[in-house]
């Protein structure tokens, strides 16, 4: 007997959820600030902004910088990140989980604070371009936690909020899901401490991709 599927559309954050990149992103933010002689944010503060669009993230990480200099800081960040992005890998078990979801005919999407260029290069790097049915990036729609990313994806696939699941490693992801009226799952192995998820109506907090895969197989 085939079990009824609960969700038609499953949207994943990228960095810290599927891609083991949070430590590198934080280091690149810190290095960019150091390059410009700015106070270097702590590991915690640099990690907190992961998931936002780059402009919003840098405004939080370097609040004292004149607005007209944020593009310069962004370029410094990109230089550090693109020089080292080849070091980043998918979390173990990610490909198997995504393939199992595709085999069950879920729509799969990415909703990320990355740029379109950054996401496309990451998808090329890990040869996942054919896995996802759709994606939205922060430079082509509103940044998290605004619900626009999820609303556009739901509209694209004709899926209602109650049939949509958002999965992410930050409170920005979970708040976006709340704002869009969808269900959400947090993962504890990314940028934000899982205790911060307590304020959100998560269906589950996964402590590894294997844990997430098992939950989705049973409840997704």
Foldseek 3Di string as FASTA:
>chain_A
DDDDAQAQEEEEADAFTFKPCLQQLLVLLQVLCVVVVADRDDSLLSLQLFFWAQLVSNCSRGVPDPSVCSVVSVVSSCVSCVVCVLVMDTFPPNVVLLVVVVVVNHAYEYEGNYDPVVVVVVCVSHVNVVSHPYYDYCVVDPTFPALPRVVVVCVVVVHAQSNYEYEEAHVRRQSSNVNRNHAYEHECRGRDHCVVCPVGPHPYYHDGVVRVSVCSVVHD
